Amino acid sequence: MPADDFITTLTYFTADSIAYNIKTFTNGCDELIVAGGGAFNRTLLERLQAQLPQARVLRQEDLGYSSNAKEAIAFVILGNETLHHHYANMISATGAKRKMILGTITPSTKEDFK
């Protein structure tokens, strides 16, 4: 199989897997924000849009953020949810028995910074 065909097949498989899981484990979505390396893959974005026609498929760049900052942004979101005592786990996706506040806030003292 030519390399281009193999890569396209894997890209379609990735997009189809993402779409399948969104359809199976959520109530669908109006927007899908893609970040990381996949945000730069036009074929992946086009296939996601084709598989999720009801959703707007966006890249973080479309919202003014860098897709390269995916992990940093995810931790900011999780930290914000913890700080405001919001549940952040998805029972339907993780199999958890109940909603949970993820993480803890550990106060420090001035002595910690000396």
N, C-alpha and C. Protein backbone atom coordinates (compact mmCIF):
# COMPACT_ATOMS: atom_id res chain seq x y z
N MET A 1 0.85 -1.17 0.00
CA MET A 1 0.00 0.00 0.00
C MET A 1 0.90 1.24 0.00
N PRO A 2 0.63 2.19 -0.85
CA PRO A 2 1.42 3.42 -0.86
C PRO A 2 1.30 4.16 0.48
N ALA A 3 2.36 4.83 0.85
CA ALA A 3 2.40 5.53 2.14
C ALA A 3 1.26 6.54 2.27
N ASP A 4 0.96 7.28 1.21
CA ASP A 4 -0.12 8.28 1.26
C ASP A 4 -1.46 7.62 1.56
N ASP A 5 -1.72 6.46 0.97
CA ASP A 5 -2.97 5.75 1.22
C ASP A 5 -3.04 5.26 2.66
N PHE A 6 -1.93 4.76 3.18
CA PHE A 6 -1.87 4.28 4.56
C PHE A 6 -2.13 5.43 5.54
N ILE A 7 -1.49 6.56 5.33
CA ILE A 7 -1.66 7.71 6.22
C ILE A 7 -3.09 8.24 6.15
N THR A 8 -3.68 8.30 4.95
CA THR A 8 -5.06 8.74 4.81
C THR A 8 -6.01 7.79 5.53
N THR A 9 -5.77 6.50 5.40
CA THR A 9 -6.60 5.50 6.08
C THR A 9 -6.54 5.70 7.59
N LEU A 10 -5.35 5.89 8.13
CA LEU A 10 -5.21 6.10 9.58
C LEU A 10 -5.87 7.42 10.01
N THR A 11 -5.78 8.44 9.18
CA THR A 11 -6.40 9.72 9.50
C THR A 11 -7.92 9.58 9.53
N TYR A 12 -8.49 8.89 8.54
CA TYR A 12 -9.94 8.65 8.53
C TYR A 12 -10.35 7.81 9.73
N PHE A 13 -9.57 6.80 10.05
CA PHE A 13 -9.87 5.96 11.21
C PHE A 13 -9.89 6.80 12.48
N THR A 14 -8.93 7.70 12.63
CA THR A 14 -8.87 8.57 13.80
C THR A 14 -10.10 9.46 13.88
N ALA A 15 -10.44 10.12 12.79
CA ALA A 15 -11.61 11.00 12.75
C ALA A 15 -12.89 10.22 13.03
N ASP A 16 -13.02 9.07 12.39
CA ASP A 16 -14.22 8.26 12.59
C ASP A 16 -14.33 7.75 14.02
N SER A 17 -13.20 7.42 14.64
CA SER A 17 -13.20 6.98 16.04
C SER A 17 -13.64 8.10 16.97
N ILE A 18 -13.15 9.30 16.73
CA ILE A 18 -13.54 10.46 17.53
C ILE A 18 -15.03 10.71 17.39
N ALA A 19 -15.52 10.73 16.15
CA ALA A 19 -16.94 10.98 15.89
C ALA A 19 -17.81 9.89 16.51
N TYR A 20 -17.41 8.65 16.36
CA TYR A 20 -18.16 7.53 16.94
C TYR A 20 -18.31 7.70 18.45
N ASN A 21 -17.22 8.02 19.11
CA ASN A 21 -17.26 8.15 20.57
C ASN A 21 -18.07 9.36 21.02
N ILE A 22 -18.02 10.44 20.27
CA ILE A 22 -18.87 11.59 20.59
C ILE A 22 -20.34 11.20 20.47
N LYS A 23 -20.67 10.50 19.41
CA LYS A 23 -22.06 10.07 19.19
C LYS A 23 -22.51 9.03 20.22
N THR A 24 -21.60 8.15 20.62
CA THR A 24 -21.95 7.05 21.51
C THR A 24 -22.00 7.45 22.99
N PHE A 25 -21.06 8.28 23.42
CA PHE A 25 -20.92 8.53 24.84
C PHE A 25 -21.34 9.92 25.29
N THR A 26 -21.85 10.74 24.38
CA THR A 26 -22.34 12.07 24.76
C THR A 26 -23.70 12.28 24.11
N ASN A 27 -24.29 13.40 24.39
CA ASN A 27 -25.55 13.77 23.73
C ASN A 27 -25.26 14.53 22.44
N GLY A 28 -24.09 14.32 21.87
CA GLY A 28 -23.68 15.06 20.69
C GLY A 28 -23.00 16.35 21.10
N CYS A 29 -22.68 17.16 20.15
CA CYS A 29 -22.06 18.44 20.46
C CYS A 29 -22.38 19.45 19.37
N ASP A 30 -22.43 20.71 19.77
CA ASP A 30 -22.65 21.80 18.82
C ASP A 30 -21.33 22.29 18.24
N GLU A 31 -20.27 22.18 19.06
CA GLU A 31 -18.93 22.60 18.63
C GLU A 31 -17.92 21.55 19.07
N LEU A 32 -16.95 21.33 18.22
CA LEU A 32 -15.83 20.47 18.54
C LEU A 32 -14.58 21.30 18.31
N ILE A 33 -13.80 21.47 19.35
CA ILE A 33 -12.57 22.27 19.26
C ILE A 33 -11.40 21.30 19.21
N VAL A 34 -10.66 21.34 18.13
CA VAL A 34 -9.53 20.44 17.91
C VAL A 34 -8.24 21.19 18.25
N ALA A 35 -7.37 20.51 18.99
CA ALA A 35 -6.10 21.13 19.40
C ALA A 35 -4.97 20.13 19.19
N GLY A 36 -3.76 20.59 19.39
CA GLY A 36 -2.61 19.73 19.21
C GLY A 36 -2.28 19.56 17.74
N GLY A 37 -1.50 18.55 17.43
CA GLY A 37 -1.05 18.32 16.06
C GLY A 37 -2.19 18.09 15.09
N GLY A 38 -3.27 17.45 15.56
CA GLY A 38 -4.41 17.19 14.68
C GLY A 38 -5.06 18.45 14.14
N ALA A 39 -4.92 19.55 14.85
CA ALA A 39 -5.52 20.81 14.40
C ALA A 39 -4.87 21.32 13.12
N PHE A 40 -3.71 20.80 12.79
CA PHE A 40 -3.01 21.23 11.59
C PHE A 40 -3.19 20.25 10.42
N ASN A 41 -4.02 19.23 10.64
CA ASN A 41 -4.26 18.20 9.63
C ASN A 41 -5.61 18.47 8.96
N ARG A 42 -5.57 19.06 7.78
CA ARG A 42 -6.78 19.46 7.05
C ARG A 42 -7.69 18.26 6.77
N THR A 43 -7.09 17.12 6.42
CA THR A 43 -7.89 15.93 6.13
C THR A 43 -8.65 15.48 7.37
N LEU A 44 -8.01 15.50 8.52
CA LEU A 44 -8.67 15.13 9.77
C LEU A 44 -9.84 16.06 10.07
N LEU A 45 -9.62 17.36 9.93
CA LEU A 45 -10.68 18.34 10.21
C LEU A 45 -11.85 18.17 9.25
N GLU A 46 -11.57 17.96 7.97
CA GLU A 46 -12.64 17.77 6.98
C GLU A 46 -13.43 16.50 7.26
N ARG A 47 -12.75 15.43 7.65
CA ARG A 47 -13.44 14.17 7.95
C ARG A 47 -14.28 14.31 9.22
N LEU A 48 -13.76 14.99 10.23
CA LEU A 48 -14.55 15.23 11.45
C LEU A 48 -15.82 16.00 11.11
N GLN A 49 -15.69 17.02 10.29
CA GLN A 49 -16.86 17.82 9.90
C GLN A 49 -17.87 16.97 9.14
N ALA A 50 -17.39 16.09 8.28
CA ALA A 50 -18.28 15.22 7.52
C ALA A 50 -19.00 14.22 8.44
N GLN A 51 -18.30 13.74 9.45
CA GLN A 51 -18.89 12.77 10.37
C GLN A 51 -19.78 13.41 11.43
N LEU A 52 -19.58 14.70 11.69
CA LEU A 52 -20.37 15.44 12.70
C LEU A 52 -20.98 16.68 12.04
N PRO A 53 -21.88 16.50 11.09
CA PRO A 53 -22.40 17.64 10.32
C PRO A 53 -23.16 18.67 11.15
N GLN A 54 -23.69 18.26 12.31
CA GLN A 54 -24.43 19.19 13.17
C GLN A 54 -23.50 20.06 14.01
N ALA A 55 -22.23 19.74 14.05
CA ALA A 55 -21.27 20.45 14.89
C ALA A 55 -20.41 21.39 14.06
N ARG A 56 -20.00 22.46 14.70
CA ARG A 56 -18.98 23.35 14.13
C ARG A 56 -17.63 22.81 14.55
N VAL A 57 -16.82 22.41 13.62
CA VAL A 57 -15.48 21.91 13.94
C VAL A 57 -14.51 23.08 13.85
N LEU A 58 -13.91 23.40 14.99
CA LEU A 58 -13.00 24.54 15.10
C LEU A 58 -11.63 24.08 15.55
N ARG A 59 -10.66 24.92 15.31
CA ARG A 59 -9.32 24.74 15.87
C ARG A 59 -9.16 25.76 16.99
N GLN A 60 -8.28 25.51 17.91
CA GLN A 60 -8.04 26.49 18.98
C GLN A 60 -7.65 27.84 18.39
N GLU A 61 -6.96 27.83 17.25
CA GLU A 61 -6.58 29.08 16.60
C GLU A 61 -7.79 29.93 16.24
N ASP A 62 -8.91 29.27 15.93
CA ASP A 62 -10.13 30.00 15.59
C ASP A 62 -10.68 30.78 16.79
N LEU A 63 -10.24 30.39 17.99
CA LEU A 63 -10.67 31.06 19.22
C LEU A 63 -9.59 31.95 19.81
N GLY A 64 -8.49 32.09 19.07
CA GLY A 64 -7.40 32.96 19.52
C GLY A 64 -6.38 32.28 20.41
N TYR A 65 -6.36 30.95 20.42
CA TYR A 65 -5.40 30.20 21.25
C TYR A 65 -4.52 29.34 20.36
N SER A 66 -3.40 28.95 20.87
CA SER A 66 -2.47 28.11 20.12
C SER A 66 -2.79 26.63 20.35
N SER A 67 -2.89 25.87 19.27
CA SER A 67 -3.08 24.43 19.40
C SER A 67 -1.88 23.77 20.06
N ASN A 68 -0.74 24.41 19.99
CA ASN A 68 0.45 23.88 20.64
C ASN A 68 0.36 23.99 22.16
N ALA A 69 -0.58 24.77 22.66
CA ALA A 69 -0.74 24.97 24.10
C ALA A 69 -1.85 24.09 24.67
N LYS A 70 -2.22 23.03 23.96
CA LYS A 70 -3.35 22.18 24.33
C LYS A 70 -3.27 21.71 25.78
N GLU A 71 -2.16 21.14 26.18
CA GLU A 71 -2.04 20.60 27.53
C GLU A 71 -2.09 21.70 28.58
N ALA A 72 -1.42 22.80 28.33
CA ALA A 72 -1.43 23.90 29.29
C ALA A 72 -2.85 24.44 29.47
N ILE A 73 -3.58 24.59 28.38
CA ILE A 73 -4.95 25.09 28.47
C ILE A 73 -5.84 24.10 29.20
N ALA A 74 -5.66 22.81 28.95
CA ALA A 74 -6.46 21.78 29.64
C ALA A 74 -6.24 21.86 31.15
N PHE A 75 -5.01 22.06 31.58
CA PHE A 75 -4.74 22.14 33.02
C PHE A 75 -5.30 23.42 33.63
N VAL A 76 -5.32 24.50 32.87
CA VAL A 76 -5.96 25.73 33.36
C VAL A 76 -7.45 25.49 33.56
N ILE A 77 -8.09 24.83 32.61
CA ILE A 77 -9.52 24.54 32.72
C ILE A 77 -9.79 23.65 33.93
N LEU A 78 -9.02 22.58 34.07
CA LEU A 78 -9.21 21.68 35.22
C LEU A 78 -8.95 22.41 36.54
N GLY A 79 -7.93 23.23 36.59
CA GLY A 79 -7.64 24.00 37.80
C GLY A 79 -8.76 24.96 38.15
N ASN A 80 -9.31 25.61 37.13
CA ASN A 80 -10.42 26.54 37.34
C ASN A 80 -11.64 25.80 37.90
N GLU A 81 -11.92 24.62 37.35
CA GLU A 81 -13.06 23.84 37.85
C GLU A 81 -12.85 23.44 39.30
N THR A 82 -11.63 23.02 39.65
CA THR A 82 -11.33 22.66 41.03
C THR A 82 -11.46 23.88 41.95
N LEU A 83 -10.90 24.99 41.55
CA LEU A 83 -10.95 26.22 42.34
C LEU A 83 -12.38 26.64 42.64
N HIS A 84 -13.29 26.43 41.69
CA HIS A 84 -14.68 26.84 41.86
C HIS A 84 -15.59 25.70 42.31
N HIS A 85 -14.98 24.61 42.76
CA HIS A 85 -15.71 23.45 43.30
C HIS A 85 -16.73 22.88 42.31
N HIS A 86 -16.32 22.79 41.04
CA HIS A 86 -17.18 22.20 40.01
C HIS A 86 -16.71 20.77 39.72
N TYR A 87 -17.67 19.90 39.48
CA TYR A 87 -17.33 18.54 39.07
C TYR A 87 -16.69 18.58 37.69
N ALA A 88 -15.67 17.77 37.48
CA ALA A 88 -14.98 17.82 36.19
C ALA A 88 -14.81 16.45 35.55
N ASN A 89 -15.30 15.40 36.18
CA ASN A 89 -15.19 14.10 35.54
C ASN A 89 -16.47 13.79 34.77
N MET A 90 -16.32 12.93 33.76
CA MET A 90 -17.47 12.52 32.95
C MET A 90 -17.77 11.06 33.26
N ILE A 91 -18.78 10.83 34.08
CA ILE A 91 -19.13 9.47 34.49
C ILE A 91 -19.37 8.57 33.27
N SER A 92 -20.06 9.09 32.27
CA SER A 92 -20.38 8.27 31.10
C SER A 92 -19.13 7.85 30.33
N ALA A 93 -18.07 8.63 30.42
CA ALA A 93 -16.85 8.31 29.68
C ALA A 93 -15.85 7.51 30.51
N THR A 94 -15.84 7.73 31.83
CA THR A 94 -14.81 7.11 32.67
C THR A 94 -15.29 5.90 33.44
N GLY A 95 -16.61 5.78 33.61
CA GLY A 95 -17.14 4.69 34.42
C GLY A 95 -17.07 4.98 35.91
N ALA A 96 -16.75 6.21 36.29
CA ALA A 96 -16.72 6.58 37.71
C ALA A 96 -18.11 6.37 38.31
N LYS A 97 -18.16 6.11 39.61
CA LYS A 97 -19.42 5.84 40.28
C LYS A 97 -20.18 7.12 40.63
N ARG A 98 -19.48 8.26 40.72
CA ARG A 98 -20.14 9.52 41.05
C ARG A 98 -19.33 10.69 40.51
N LYS A 99 -19.98 11.85 40.49
CA LYS A 99 -19.28 13.06 40.06
C LYS A 99 -18.22 13.42 41.10
N MET A 100 -17.12 13.96 40.61
CA MET A 100 -16.01 14.30 41.51
C MET A 100 -15.41 15.66 41.14
N ILE A 101 -14.95 16.35 42.16
CA ILE A 101 -14.10 17.52 41.95
C ILE A 101 -12.69 16.97 41.82
N LEU A 102 -12.04 17.27 40.73
CA LEU A 102 -10.71 16.72 40.47
C LEU A 102 -9.63 17.63 41.03
N GLY A 103 -8.66 17.05 41.68
CA GLY A 103 -7.54 17.83 42.21
C GLY A 103 -7.86 18.49 43.53
N THR A 104 -6.87 19.13 44.07
CA THR A 104 -7.03 19.88 45.32
C THR A 104 -6.26 21.18 45.21
N ILE A 105 -6.65 22.12 46.03
CA ILE A 105 -5.92 23.38 46.14
C ILE A 105 -5.13 23.30 47.44
N THR A 106 -3.83 23.39 47.36
CA THR A 106 -2.98 23.29 48.53
C THR A 106 -2.38 24.66 48.81
N PRO A 107 -2.87 25.32 49.88
CA PRO A 107 -2.32 26.65 50.18
C PRO A 107 -0.87 26.53 50.64
N SER A 108 -0.12 27.55 50.37
CA SER A 108 1.28 27.57 50.81
C SER A 108 1.45 28.68 51.83
N THR A 109 2.60 28.69 52.43
CA THR A 109 2.93 29.74 53.38
C THR A 109 4.09 30.55 52.83
N LYS A 110 4.30 31.71 53.38
CA LYS A 110 5.40 32.54 52.92
C LYS A 110 6.74 31.83 53.06
N GLU A 111 6.84 30.96 54.06
CA GLU A 111 8.09 30.24 54.29
C GLU A 111 8.45 29.32 53.12
N ASP A 112 7.42 28.88 52.38
CA ASP A 112 7.66 28.00 51.23
C ASP A 112 8.46 28.69 50.13
N PHE A 113 8.43 30.02 50.11
CA PHE A 113 9.07 30.77 49.02
C PHE A 113 10.40 31.38 49.43
N LYS A 114 10.89 31.05 50.59
CA LYS A 114 12.17 31.62 51.04
C LYS A 114 13.32 30.83 50.53
